[in-house]
């Protein structure tokens, strides 16, 4: 029964609301990993010398 309840909740959330949740999840992912993305861009522009920032 626990699996059926979980499956029902997943169906309700992602069946009709995935269109609205996708941009929010993408924005959240960008905010969470912005520091790593900026570091990657900086290392690629500076020649990848690897100053040991992390």
C-alpha atoms as a PDB file:
ATOM      1  CA  UNK A   1       0.000   0.000   0.000  1.00  0.00           C
ATOM      2  CA  UNK A   2       2.891   2.339   0.689  1.00  0.00           C
ATOM      3  CA  UNK A   3       4.130   1.957  -2.889  1.00  0.00           C
ATOM      4  CA  UNK A   4       0.665   2.662  -4.274  1.00  0.00           C
ATOM      5  CA  UNK A   5       0.408   5.839  -2.217  1.00  0.00           C
ATOM      6  CA  UNK A   6       3.805   7.019  -3.410  1.00  0.00           C
ATOM      7  CA  UNK A   7       2.952   6.230  -7.015  1.00  0.00           C
ATOM      8  CA  UNK A   8      -0.317   8.141  -6.681  1.00  0.00           C
ATOM      9  CA  UNK A   9       1.454  11.190  -5.290  1.00  0.00           C
ATOM     10  CA  UNK A  10       4.031  11.098  -8.092  1.00  0.00           C
ATOM     11  CA  UNK A  11       1.258  10.843 -10.699  1.00  0.00           C
ATOM     12  CA  UNK A  12      -0.618  13.810  -9.220  1.00  0.00           C
ATOM     13  CA  UNK A  13       2.440  16.050  -8.938  1.00  0.00           C
ATOM     14  CA  UNK A  14       4.167  15.278 -12.232  1.00  0.00           C
ATOM     15  CA  UNK A  15       1.222  14.559 -14.503  1.00  0.00           C
ATOM     16  CA  UNK A  16      -0.174  18.058 -14.831  1.00  0.00           C
ATOM     17  CA  UNK A  17       2.338  20.228 -13.048  1.00  0.00           C
ATOM     18  CA  UNK A  18       5.574  19.180 -14.702  1.00  0.00           C
ATOM     19  CA  UNK A  19       5.198  21.934 -17.277  1.00  0.00           C
ATOM     20  CA  UNK A  20       5.140  24.477 -14.453  1.00  0.00           C
ATOM     21  CA  UNK A  21       7.755  22.773 -12.267  1.00  0.00           C
ATOM     22  CA  UNK A  22      10.430  22.344 -14.924  1.00  0.00           C
ATOM     23  CA  UNK A  23      11.514  26.015 -15.159  1.00  0.00           C
ATOM     24  CA  UNK A  24      11.529  26.284 -11.366  1.00  0.00           C
ATOM     25  CA  UNK A  25      13.675  23.166 -11.005  1.00  0.00           C
ATOM     26  CA  UNK A  26      16.058  24.402 -13.707  1.00  0.00           C
ATOM     27  CA  UNK A  27      16.393  27.781 -11.991  1.00  0.00           C
ATOM     28  CA  UNK A  28      17.013  26.072  -8.651  1.00  0.00           C
ATOM     29  CA  UNK A  29      19.699  23.895 -10.216  1.00  0.00           C
ATOM     30  CA  UNK A  30      21.417  26.936 -11.758  1.00  0.00           C
ATOM     31  CA  UNK A  31      21.392  28.746  -8.416  1.00  0.00           C
ATOM     32  CA  UNK A  32      22.783  25.738  -6.568  1.00  0.00           C
ATOM     33  CA  UNK A  33      25.623  25.119  -9.000  1.00  0.00           C
ATOM     34  CA  UNK A  34      26.376  28.735 -10.020  1.00  0.00           C
ATOM     35  CA  UNK A  35      29.650  28.778  -8.098  1.00  0.00           C
ATOM     36  CA  UNK A  36      30.941  25.683  -9.884  1.00  0.00           C
ATOM     37  CA  UNK A  37      29.774  26.968 -13.274  1.00  0.00           C
ATOM     38  CA  UNK A  38      31.551  30.309 -12.749  1.00  0.00           C
ATOM     39  CA  UNK A  39      34.710  28.487 -11.639  1.00  0.00           C
ATOM     40  CA  UNK A  40      34.592  26.264 -14.699  1.00  0.00           C
ATOM     41  CA  UNK A  41      34.192  29.245 -17.034  1.00  0.00           C
ATOM     42  CA  UNK A  42      36.978  31.140 -15.267  1.00  0.00           C
ATOM     43  CA  UNK A  43      39.363  28.177 -15.499  1.00  0.00           C
ATOM     44  CA  UNK A  44      38.616  27.640 -19.173  1.00  0.00           C
ATOM     45  CA  UNK A  45      39.165  31.315 -20.007  1.00  0.00           C
ATOM     46  CA  UNK A  46      42.342  31.700 -17.951  1.00  0.00           C
ATOM     47  CA  UNK A  47      43.969  28.746 -19.667  1.00  0.00           C
ATOM     48  CA  UNK A  48      43.183  26.104 -17.086  1.00  0.00           C
ATOM     49  CA  UNK A  49      46.255  26.659 -14.945  1.00  0.00           C
ATOM     50  CA  UNK A  50      44.315  25.417 -11.938  1.00  0.00           C
ATOM     51  CA  UNK A  51      45.123  27.722  -9.066  1.00  0.00           C
ATOM     52  CA  UNK A  52      43.563  25.288  -6.618  1.00  0.00           C
ATOM     53  CA  UNK A  53      40.535  27.371  -5.931  1.00  0.00           C
ATOM     54  CA  UNK A  54      38.530  24.433  -4.571  1.00  0.00           C
END
